[in-house]
PDB file of all heavy atoms in Angstrom:
ATOM      1  N   GLU A   1      76.775-189.888-167.143  1.00  0.00           N
ATOM      2  CA  GLU A   1      75.669-189.934-168.128  1.00  0.00           C
ATOM      3  C   GLU A   1      75.758-188.728-169.061  1.00  0.00           C
ATOM      4  O   GLU A   1      75.530-187.542-168.625  1.00  0.00           O
ATOM      5  CB  GLU A   1      74.325-190.002-167.506  1.00  0.00           C
ATOM      6  CG  GLU A   1      73.142-190.096-168.395  1.00  0.00           C
ATOM      7  CD  GLU A   1      73.188-191.338-169.298  1.00  0.00           C
ATOM      8  OE1 GLU A   1      73.313-192.436-168.752  1.00  0.00           O
ATOM      9  OE2 GLU A   1      73.227-191.132-170.549  1.00  0.00           O
ATOM     10  N   LYS A   2      76.100-188.912-170.265  1.00  0.00           N
ATOM     11  CA  LYS A   2      76.304-187.858-171.221  1.00  0.00           C
ATOM     12  C   LYS A   2      75.039-187.078-171.588  1.00  0.00           C
ATOM     13  O   LYS A   2      74.986-185.894-171.718  1.00  0.00           O
ATOM     14  CB  LYS A   2      76.980-188.277-172.524  1.00  0.00           C
ATOM     15  CG  LYS A   2      78.396-188.828-172.299  1.00  0.00           C
ATOM     16  CD  LYS A   2      78.999-189.314-173.654  1.00  0.00           C
ATOM     17  CE  LYS A   2      80.395-189.831-173.444  1.00  0.00           C
ATOM     18  NZ  LYS A   2      81.012-190.357-174.627  1.00  0.00           N
ATOM     19  N   GLU A   3      73.929-187.850-171.736  1.00  0.00           N
ATOM     20  CA  GLU A   3      72.725-187.275-172.209  1.00  0.00           C
ATOM     21  C   GLU A   3      71.926-186.625-171.054  1.00  0.00           C
ATOM     22  O   GLU A   3      71.020-185.837-171.366  1.00  0.00           O
ATOM     23  CB  GLU A   3      71.801-188.342-172.854  1.00  0.00           C
ATOM     24  CG  GLU A   3      72.420-188.912-174.167  1.00  0.00           C
ATOM     25  CD  GLU A   3      71.530-189.945-174.752  1.00  0.00           C
ATOM     26  OE1 GLU A   3      70.378-190.192-174.178  1.00  0.00           O
ATOM     27  OE2 GLU A   3      71.889-190.499-175.790  1.00  0.00           O
ATOM     28  N   ASP A   4      72.333-186.813-169.840  1.00  0.00           N
ATOM     29  CA  ASP A   4      71.614-186.245-168.713  1.00  0.00           C
ATOM     30  C   ASP A   4      70.181-186.750-168.658  1.00  0.00           C
ATOM     31  O   ASP A   4      69.755-187.718-169.293  1.00  0.00           O
ATOM     32  CB  ASP A   4      71.667-184.753-168.808  1.00  0.00           C
ATOM     33  CG  ASP A   4      71.635-184.025-167.377  1.00  0.00           C
ATOM     34  OD1 ASP A   4      71.209-184.783-166.463  1.00  0.00           O
ATOM     35  OD2 ASP A   4      72.019-182.903-167.265  1.00  0.00           O
ATOM     36  N   ILE A   5      69.375-186.106-167.703  1.00  0.00           N
ATOM     37  CA  ILE A   5      67.978-186.546-167.550  1.00  0.00           C
ATOM     38  C   ILE A   5      67.182-185.956-168.693  1.00  0.00           C
ATOM     39  O   ILE A   5      67.216-184.792-169.014  1.00  0.00           O
ATOM     40  CB  ILE A   5      67.408-186.038-166.218  1.00  0.00           C
ATOM     41  CG1 ILE A   5      68.132-186.858-165.112  1.00  0.00           C
ATOM     42  CG2 ILE A   5      65.968-186.309-166.053  1.00  0.00           C
ATOM     43  CD1 ILE A   5      67.827-186.342-163.706  1.00  0.00           C
ATOM     44  N   SER A   6      66.340-186.845-169.342  1.00  0.00           N
ATOM     45  CA  SER A   6      65.575-186.413-170.487  1.00  0.00           C
ATOM     46  C   SER A   6      64.106-186.192-170.136  1.00  0.00           C
ATOM     47  O   SER A   6      63.701-186.567-169.004  1.00  0.00           O
ATOM     48  CB  SER A   6      65.723-187.465-171.625  1.00  0.00           C
ATOM     49  OG  SER A   6      65.129-188.673-171.172  1.00  0.00           O
ATOM     50  N   GLN A   7      63.340-185.812-171.057  1.00  0.00           N
ATOM     51  CA  GLN A   7      61.869-185.634-170.829  1.00  0.00           C
ATOM     52  C   GLN A   7      61.203-186.930-170.580  1.00  0.00           C
ATOM     53  O   GLN A   7      60.220-187.054-169.847  1.00  0.00           O
ATOM     54  CB  GLN A   7      61.283-184.867-171.996  1.00  0.00           C
ATOM     55  CG  GLN A   7      59.849-184.458-171.735  1.00  0.00           C
ATOM     56  CD  GLN A   7      59.331-183.423-172.796  1.00  0.00           C
ATOM     57  OE1 GLN A   7      60.062-183.187-173.764  1.00  0.00           O
ATOM     58  NE2 GLN A   7      58.173-182.994-172.608  1.00  0.00           N
ATOM     59  N   SER A   8      61.737-187.984-171.317  1.00  0.00           N
ATOM     60  CA  SER A   8      61.098-189.294-171.093  1.00  0.00           C
ATOM     61  C   SER A   8      61.428-189.851-169.688  1.00  0.00           C
ATOM     62  O   SER A   8      60.561-190.577-169.174  1.00  0.00           O
ATOM     63  CB  SER A   8      61.709-190.286-172.135  1.00  0.00           C
ATOM     64  OG  SER A   8      63.083-190.461-171.953  1.00  0.00           O
ATOM     65  N   ASP A   9      62.503-189.456-169.103  1.00  0.00           N
ATOM     66  CA  ASP A   9      62.773-189.794-167.720  1.00  0.00           C
ATOM     67  C   ASP A   9      61.820-189.154-166.775  1.00  0.00           C
ATOM     68  O   ASP A   9      61.457-189.765-165.743  1.00  0.00           O
ATOM     69  CB  ASP A   9      64.212-189.416-167.294  1.00  0.00           C
ATOM     70  CG  ASP A   9      65.290-190.185-168.101  1.00  0.00           C
ATOM     71  OD1 ASP A   9      65.059-191.352-168.395  1.00  0.00           O
ATOM     72  OD2 ASP A   9      66.332-189.571-168.469  1.00  0.00           O
ATOM     73  N   LEU A  10      61.424-187.924-167.128  1.00  0.00           N
ATOM     74  CA  LEU A  10      60.426-187.252-166.251  1.00  0.00           C
ATOM     75  C   LEU A  10      59.164-188.004-166.323  1.00  0.00           C
ATOM     76  O   LEU A  10      58.484-188.114-165.284  1.00  0.00           O
ATOM     77  CB  LEU A  10      60.178-185.805-166.815  1.00  0.00           C
ATOM     78  CG  LEU A  10      61.366-184.817-166.746  1.00  0.00           C
ATOM     79  CD1 LEU A  10      60.981-183.479-167.338  1.00  0.00           C
ATOM     80  CD2 LEU A  10      61.771-184.555-165.261  1.00  0.00           C
ATOM     81  N   GLN A  11      58.783-188.480-167.457  1.00  0.00           N
ATOM     82  CA  GLN A  11      57.531-189.304-167.658  1.00  0.00           C
ATOM     83  C   GLN A  11      57.591-190.564-166.870  1.00  0.00           C
ATOM     84  O   GLN A  11      56.598-190.991-166.240  1.00  0.00           O
ATOM     85  CB  GLN A  11      57.233-189.515-169.121  1.00  0.00           C
ATOM     86  CG  GLN A  11      56.883-188.254-169.819  1.00  0.00           C
ATOM     87  CD  GLN A  11      56.890-188.484-171.405  1.00  0.00           C
ATOM     88  OE1 GLN A  11      57.193-189.611-171.833  1.00  0.00           O
ATOM     89  NE2 GLN A  11      56.334-187.494-172.097  1.00  0.00           N
ATOM     90  N   GLU A  12      58.741-191.255-166.844  1.00  0.00           N
ATOM     91  CA  GLU A  12      58.945-192.429-166.056  1.00  0.00           C
ATOM     92  C   GLU A  12      58.736-192.195-164.587  1.00  0.00           C
ATOM     93  O   GLU A  12      58.157-192.990-163.899  1.00  0.00           O
ATOM     94  CB  GLU A  12      60.303-193.110-166.330  1.00  0.00           C
ATOM     95  CG  GLU A  12      60.469-193.630-167.762  1.00  0.00           C
ATOM     96  CD  GLU A  12      59.515-194.796-168.059  1.00  0.00           C
ATOM     97  OE1 GLU A  12      59.545-195.786-167.286  1.00  0.00           O
ATOM     98  OE2 GLU A  12      58.656-194.628-168.986  1.00  0.00           O
ATOM     99  N   ASN A  13      59.265-191.073-164.102  1.00  0.00           N
ATOM    100  CA  ASN A  13      59.147-190.726-162.693  1.00  0.00           C
ATOM    101  C   ASN A  13      57.626-190.471-162.353  1.00  0.00           C
ATOM    102  O   ASN A  13      57.189-190.856-161.244  1.00  0.00           O
ATOM    103  CB  ASN A  13      60.010-189.513-162.339  1.00  0.00           C
ATOM    104  CG  ASN A  13      59.998-189.230-160.898  1.00  0.00           C
ATOM    105  OD1 ASN A  13      60.523-190.018-160.114  1.00  0.00           O
ATOM    106  ND2 ASN A  13      59.329-188.143-160.507  1.00  0.00           N
ATOM    107  N   MET A  14      56.926-189.903-163.310  1.00  0.00           N
ATOM    108  CA  MET A  14      55.553-189.712-163.035  1.00  0.00           C
ATOM    109  C   MET A  14      54.786-191.014-162.913  1.00  0.00           C
ATOM    110  O   MET A  14      53.775-191.212-162.147  1.00  0.00           O
ATOM    111  CB  MET A  14      54.883-188.868-164.094  1.00  0.00           C
ATOM    112  CG  MET A  14      55.344-187.414-164.089  1.00  0.00           C
ATOM    113  SD  MET A  14      55.128-186.587-162.498  1.00  0.00           S
ATOM    114  CE  MET A  14      53.277-186.559-162.465  1.00  0.00           C
ATOM    115  N   LYS A  15      55.225-192.035-163.667  1.00  0.00           N
ATOM    116  CA  LYS A  15      54.640-193.383-163.617  1.00  0.00           C
ATOM    117  C   LYS A  15      54.898-193.999-162.193  1.00  0.00           C
ATOM    118  O   LYS A  15      53.997-194.621-161.577  1.00  0.00           O
ATOM    119  CB  LYS A  15      55.309-194.314-164.600  1.00  0.00           C
ATOM    120  CG  LYS A  15      54.792-194.111-166.044  1.00  0.00           C
ATOM    121  CD  LYS A  15      55.470-195.188-166.926  1.00  0.00           C
ATOM    122  CE  LYS A  15      55.094-194.923-168.366  1.00  0.00           C
ATOM    123  NZ  LYS A  15      55.785-195.944-169.271  1.00  0.00           N
ATOM    124  N   VAL A  16      56.134-193.763-161.652  1.00  0.00           N
ATOM    125  CA  VAL A  16      56.408-194.266-160.285  1.00  0.00           C
ATOM    126  C   VAL A  16      55.508-193.614-159.314  1.00  0.00           C
ATOM    127  O   VAL A  16      54.951-194.309-158.355  1.00  0.00           O
ATOM    128  CB  VAL A  16      57.910-193.964-159.943  1.00  0.00           C
ATOM    129  CG1 VAL A  16      58.141-194.279-158.436  1.00  0.00           C
ATOM    130  CG2 VAL A  16      58.853-194.664-160.846  1.00  0.00           C
ATOM    131  N   LEU A  17      55.197-192.296-159.393  1.00  0.00           N
ATOM    132  CA  LEU A  17      54.306-191.608-158.562  1.00  0.00           C
ATOM    133  C   LEU A  17      52.910-192.235-158.609  1.00  0.00           C
ATOM    134  O   LEU A  17      52.274-192.492-157.543  1.00  0.00           O
ATOM    135  CB  LEU A  17      54.273-190.148-158.916  1.00  0.00           C
ATOM    136  CG  LEU A  17      53.136-189.285-158.234  1.00  0.00           C
ATOM    137  CD1 LEU A  17      53.364-189.264-156.719  1.00  0.00           C
ATOM    138  CD2 LEU A  17      53.197-187.836-158.745  1.00  0.00           C
ATOM    139  N   LYS A  18      52.345-192.456-159.741  1.00  0.00           N
ATOM    140  CA  LYS A  18      51.028-193.009-159.920  1.00  0.00           C
ATOM    141  C   LYS A  18      50.959-194.430-159.306  1.00  0.00           C
ATOM    142  O   LYS A  18      50.032-194.792-158.652  1.00  0.00           O
ATOM    143  CB  LYS A  18      50.565-193.043-161.390  1.00  0.00           C
ATOM    144  CG  LYS A  18      49.221-193.618-161.639  1.00  0.00           C
ATOM    145  CD  LYS A  18      48.903-193.737-163.066  1.00  0.00           C
ATOM    146  CE  LYS A  18      47.487-194.375-163.265  1.00  0.00           C
ATOM    147  NZ  LYS A  18      47.324-195.634-162.677  1.00  0.00           N
ATOM    148  N   LEU A  19      51.963-195.272-159.650  1.00  0.00           N
ATOM    149  CA  LEU A  19      52.007-196.652-159.183  1.00  0.00           C
ATOM    150  C   LEU A  19      52.145-196.685-157.625  1.00  0.00           C
ATOM    151  O   LEU A  19      51.567-197.497-156.985  1.00  0.00           O
ATOM    152  CB  LEU A  19      53.188-197.382-159.829  1.00  0.00           C
ATOM    153  CG  LEU A  19      53.079-197.720-161.297  1.00  0.00           C
ATOM    154  CD1 LEU A  19      54.339-198.217-161.857  1.00  0.00           C
ATOM    155  CD2 LEU A  19      51.914-198.622-161.589  1.00  0.00           C
ATOM    156  N   SER A  20      52.954-195.773-157.067  1.00  0.00           N
ATOM    157  CA  SER A  20      53.074-195.750-155.624  1.00  0.00           C
ATOM    158  C   SER A  20      51.785-195.375-154.943  1.00  0.00           C
ATOM    159  O   SER A  20      51.425-195.926-153.886  1.00  0.00           O
ATOM    160  CB  SER A  20      54.112-194.673-155.217  1.00  0.00           C
ATOM    161  OG  SER A  20      55.352-195.010-155.785  1.00  0.00           O
ATOM    162  N   ASN A  21      51.003-194.473-155.606  1.00  0.00           N
ATOM    163  CA  ASN A  21      49.715-194.090-155.090  1.00  0.00           C
ATOM    164  C   ASN A  21      48.751-195.354-155.099  1.00  0.00           C
ATOM    165  O   ASN A  21      47.996-195.633-154.186  1.00  0.00           O
ATOM    166  CB  ASN A  21      49.146-193.022-155.893  1.00  0.00           C
ATOM    167  CG  ASN A  21      47.813-192.423-155.329  1.00  0.00           C
ATOM    168  OD1 ASN A  21      47.713-192.120-154.098  1.00  0.00           O
ATOM    169  ND2 ASN A  21      46.793-192.441-156.166  1.00  0.00           N
ATOM    170  N   ASP A  22      48.805-196.126-156.221  1.00  0.00           N
ATOM    171  CA  ASP A  22      47.958-197.320-156.334  1.00  0.00           C
ATOM    172  C   ASP A  22      48.331-198.291-155.286  1.00  0.00           C
ATOM    173  O   ASP A  22      47.431-199.005-154.683  1.00  0.00           O
ATOM    174  CB  ASP A  22      48.154-197.923-157.721  1.00  0.00           C
ATOM    175  CG  ASP A  22      47.633-197.063-158.836  1.00  0.00           C
ATOM    176  OD1 ASP A  22      46.826-196.187-158.573  1.00  0.00           O
ATOM    177  OD2 ASP A  22      48.028-197.285-160.014  1.00  0.00           O
ATOM    178  N   ALA A  23      49.661-198.424-155.009  1.00  0.00           N
ATOM    179  CA  ALA A  23      50.084-199.433-153.922  1.00  0.00           C
ATOM    180  C   ALA A  23      49.488-199.123-152.565  1.00  0.00           C
ATOM    181  O   ALA A  23      49.110-199.995-151.840  1.00  0.00           O
ATOM    182  CB  ALA A  23      51.602-199.481-153.945  1.00  0.00           C
ATOM    183  N   VAL A  24      49.464-197.845-152.225  1.00  0.00           N
ATOM    184  CA  VAL A  24      48.932-197.364-150.943  1.00  0.00           C
ATOM    185  C   VAL A  24      47.494-197.763-150.855  1.00  0.00           C
ATOM    186  O   VAL A  24      47.021-198.318-149.846  1.00  0.00           O
ATOM    187  CB  VAL A  24      49.095-195.879-150.728  1.00  0.00           C
ATOM    188  CG1 VAL A  24      48.425-195.431-149.446  1.00  0.00           C
ATOM    189  CG2 VAL A  24      50.564-195.471-150.666  1.00  0.00           C
ATOM    190  N   LYS A  25      46.740-197.531-151.858  1.00  0.00           N
ATOM    191  CA  LYS A  25      45.252-197.816-151.889  1.00  0.00           C
ATOM    192  C   LYS A  25      45.042-199.309-151.749  1.00  0.00           C
ATOM    193  O   LYS A  25      44.131-199.754-151.064  1.00  0.00           O
ATOM    194  CB  LYS A  25      44.630-197.333-153.235  1.00  0.00           C
ATOM    195  CG  LYS A  25      44.562-195.805-153.277  1.00  0.00           C
ATOM    196  CD  LYS A  25      43.924-195.347-154.590  1.00  0.00           C
ATOM    197  CE  LYS A  25      43.874-193.829-154.671  1.00  0.00           C
ATOM    198  NZ  LYS A  25      43.265-193.348-156.029  1.00  0.00           N
ATOM    199  N   ILE A  26      45.834-200.137-152.431  1.00  0.00           N
ATOM    200  CA  ILE A  26      45.625-201.580-152.401  1.00  0.00           C
ATOM    201  C   ILE A  26      45.933-202.079-151.053  1.00  0.00           C
ATOM    202  O   ILE A  26      45.138-202.891-150.486  1.00  0.00           O
ATOM    203  CB  ILE A  26      46.529-202.312-153.426  1.00  0.00           C
ATOM    204  CG1 ILE A  26      46.092-201.949-154.822  1.00  0.00           C
ATOM    205  CG2 ILE A  26      46.489-203.796-153.201  1.00  0.00           C
ATOM    206  CD1 ILE A  26      47.051-202.414-155.931  1.00  0.00           C
ATOM    207  N   TYR A  27      47.056-201.667-150.396  1.00  0.00           N
ATOM    208  CA  TYR A  27      47.363-202.180-149.095  1.00  0.00           C
ATOM    209  C   TYR A  27      46.471-201.649-147.967  1.00  0.00           C
ATOM    210  O   TYR A  27      46.254-202.328-147.028  1.00  0.00           O
ATOM    211  CB  TYR A  27      48.849-201.809-148.739  1.00  0.00           C
ATOM    212  CG  TYR A  27      49.459-202.788-147.754  1.00  0.00           C
ATOM    213  CD1 TYR A  27      50.045-204.025-148.229  1.00  0.00           C
ATOM    214  CD2 TYR A  27      49.407-202.607-146.394  1.00  0.00           C
ATOM    215  CE1 TYR A  27      50.552-204.938-147.396  1.00  0.00           C
ATOM    216  CE2 TYR A  27      49.855-203.537-145.522  1.00  0.00           C
ATOM    217  CZ  TYR A  27      50.560-204.719-146.001  1.00  0.00           C
ATOM    218  OH  TYR A  27      50.964-205.667-145.164  1.00  0.00           O
ATOM    219  N   ALA A  28      45.899-200.489-148.220  1.00  0.00           N
ATOM    220  CA  ALA A  28      44.964-199.930-147.241  1.00  0.00           C
ATOM    221  C   ALA A  28      43.780-200.798-147.053  1.00  0.00           C
ATOM    222  O   ALA A  28      43.118-200.778-145.968  1.00  0.00           O
ATOM    223  CB  ALA A  28      44.554-198.515-147.649  1.00  0.00           C
ATOM    224  N   LYS A  29      43.422-201.606-148.052  1.00  0.00           N
ATOM    225  CA  LYS A  29      42.251-202.527-147.949  1.00  0.00           C
ATOM    226  C   LYS A  29      42.550-203.522-146.890  1.00  0.00           C
ATOM    227  O   LYS A  29      41.550-203.974-146.207  1.00  0.00           O
ATOM    228  CB  LYS A  29      42.044-203.259-149.318  1.00  0.00           C
ATOM    229  CG  LYS A  29      41.485-202.276-150.417  1.00  0.00           C
ATOM    230  CD  LYS A  29      41.314-202.992-151.654  1.00  0.00           C
ATOM    231  CE  LYS A  29      40.788-202.059-152.789  1.00  0.00           C
ATOM    232  NZ  LYS A  29      40.718-202.801-154.104  1.00  0.00           N
ATOM    233  N   HIS A  30      43.820-203.946-146.637  1.00  0.00           N
ATOM    234  CA  HIS A  30      44.046-204.947-145.539  1.00  0.00           C
ATOM    235  C   HIS A  30      43.637-204.392-144.231  1.00  0.00           C
ATOM    236  O   HIS A  30      42.974-205.027-143.392  1.00  0.00           O
ATOM    237  CB  HIS A  30      45.547-205.197-145.513  1.00  0.00           C
ATOM    238  CG  HIS A  30      46.108-205.936-146.713  1.00  0.00           C
ATOM    239  ND1 HIS A  30      45.352-207.002-147.292  1.00  0.00           N
ATOM    240  CD2 HIS A  30      47.153-205.720-147.529  1.00  0.00           C
ATOM    241  CE1 HIS A  30      46.039-207.414-148.396  1.00  0.00           C
ATOM    242  NE2 HIS A  30      47.128-206.708-148.500  1.00  0.00           N
ATOM    243  N   SER A  31      44.033-203.058-144.039  1.00  0.00           N
ATOM    244  CA  SER A  31      43.683-202.443-142.762  1.00  0.00           C
ATOM    245  C   SER A  31      42.170-202.260-142.557  1.00  0.00           C
ATOM    246  O   SER A  31      41.606-202.454-141.504  1.00  0.00           O
ATOM    247  CB  SER A  31      44.364-201.058-142.688  1.00  0.00           C
ATOM    248  OG  SER A  31      44.142-200.433-141.506  1.00  0.00           O
ATOM    249  N   GLU A  32      41.533-201.956-143.661  1.00  0.00           N
ATOM    250  CA  GLU A  32      39.969-201.791-143.629  1.00  0.00           C
ATOM    251  C   GLU A  32      39.382-203.144-143.282  1.00  0.00           C
ATOM    252  O   GLU A  32      38.390-203.184-142.516  1.00  0.00           O
ATOM    253  CB  GLU A  32      39.547-201.315-144.976  1.00  0.00           C
ATOM    254  CG  GLU A  32      39.876-199.867-145.254  1.00  0.00           C
ATOM    255  CD  GLU A  32      39.556-199.417-146.722  1.00  0.00           C
ATOM    256  OE1 GLU A  32      38.985-200.297-147.395  1.00  0.00           O
ATOM    257  OE2 GLU A  32      39.930-198.362-147.129  1.00  0.00           O
ATOM    258  N   ASP A  33      39.883-204.213-143.856  1.00  0.00           N
ATOM    259  CA  ASP A  33      39.341-205.557-143.573  1.00  0.00           C
ATOM    260  C   ASP A  33      39.469-205.836-142.060  1.00  0.00           C
ATOM    261  O   ASP A  33      38.593-206.438-141.431  1.00  0.00           O
ATOM    262  CB  ASP A  33      40.012-206.652-144.389  1.00  0.00           C
ATOM    263  CG  ASP A  33      39.612-206.564-145.873  1.00  0.00           C
ATOM    264  OD1 ASP A  33      38.573-205.904-146.180  1.00  0.00           O
ATOM    265  OD2 ASP A  33      40.394-207.048-146.702  1.00  0.00           O
ATOM    266  N   ILE A  34      40.674-205.610-141.510  1.00  0.00           N
ATOM    267  CA  ILE A  34      40.986-205.873-140.084  1.00  0.00           C
ATOM    268  C   ILE A  34      40.063-205.067-139.226  1.00  0.00           C
ATOM    269  O   ILE A  34      39.439-205.539-138.264  1.00  0.00           O
ATOM    270  CB  ILE A  34      42.428-205.580-139.733  1.00  0.00           C
ATOM    271  CG1 ILE A  34      43.358-206.577-140.397  1.00  0.00           C
ATOM    272  CG2 ILE A  34      42.640-205.589-138.234  1.00  0.00           C
ATOM    273  CD1 ILE A  34      44.820-206.314-140.246  1.00  0.00           C
ATOM    274  N   MET A  35      39.809-203.776-139.514  1.00  0.00           N
ATOM    275  CA  MET A  35      38.926-202.908-138.754  1.00  0.00           C
ATOM    276  C   MET A  35      37.511-203.359-138.776  1.00  0.00           C
ATOM    277  O   MET A  35      36.795-203.286-137.845  1.00  0.00           O
ATOM    278  CB  MET A  35      39.067-201.423-139.241  1.00  0.00           C
ATOM    279  CG  MET A  35      40.345-200.750-138.871  1.00  0.00           C
ATOM    280  SD  MET A  35      40.786-200.820-137.070  1.00  0.00           S
ATOM    281  CE  MET A  35      39.338-200.031-136.453  1.00  0.00           C
ATOM    282  N   ARG A  36      37.153-203.872-139.967  1.00  0.00           N
ATOM    283  CA  ARG A  36      35.805-204.425-140.087  1.00  0.00           C
ATOM    284  C   ARG A  36      35.548-205.525-139.207  1.00  0.00           C
ATOM    285  O   ARG A  36      34.474-205.771-138.522  1.00  0.00           O
ATOM    286  CB  ARG A  36      35.469-204.800-141.593  1.00  0.00           C
ATOM    287  CG  ARG A  36      34.030-204.995-141.936  1.00  0.00           C
ATOM    288  CD  ARG A  36      33.805-205.341-143.354  1.00  0.00           C
ATOM    289  NE  ARG A  36      34.256-204.243-144.206  1.00  0.00           N
ATOM    290  CZ  ARG A  36      35.324-204.240-145.046  1.00  0.00           C
ATOM    291  NH1 ARG A  36      36.078-205.335-145.127  1.00  0.00           N
ATOM    292  NH2 ARG A  36      35.636-203.201-145.791  1.00  0.00           N
ATOM    293  N   LYS A  37      36.587-206.511-139.149  1.00  0.00           N
ATOM    294  CA  LYS A  37      36.527-207.673-138.233  1.00  0.00           C
ATOM    295  C   LYS A  37      36.408-207.252-136.790  1.00  0.00           C
ATOM    296  O   LYS A  37      35.690-207.809-136.001  1.00  0.00           O
ATOM    297  CB  LYS A  37      37.724-208.549-138.454  1.00  0.00           C
ATOM    298  CG  LYS A  37      37.709-209.355-139.732  1.00  0.00           C
ATOM    299  CD  LYS A  37      38.996-210.204-139.865  1.00  0.00           C
ATOM    300  CE  LYS A  37      38.992-210.960-141.182  1.00  0.00           C
ATOM    301  NZ  LYS A  37      40.242-211.734-141.293  1.00  0.00           N
ATOM    302  N   ILE A  38      37.270-206.297-136.425  1.00  0.00           N
ATOM    303  CA  ILE A  38      37.283-205.807-135.077  1.00  0.00           C
ATOM    304  C   ILE A  38      35.888-205.199-134.652  1.00  0.00           C
ATOM    305  O   ILE A  38      35.414-205.481-133.525  1.00  0.00           O
ATOM    306  CB  ILE A  38      38.343-204.713-134.886  1.00  0.00           C
ATOM    307  CG1 ILE A  38      39.749-205.245-134.925  1.00  0.00           C
ATOM    308  CG2 ILE A  38      38.224-203.996-133.497  1.00  0.00           C
ATOM    309  CD1 ILE A  38      40.871-204.273-134.940  1.00  0.00           C
TER     310      ILE A  38
END
């Protein structure tokens, strides 16, 4: 890769971080529902 990692790539990686955090919160609801049933 001639251009190397750019500033826009840094921003894309920050998007991955935010989306990964959202995924944890969404899936955690499954566990909360199960514990509520228990």
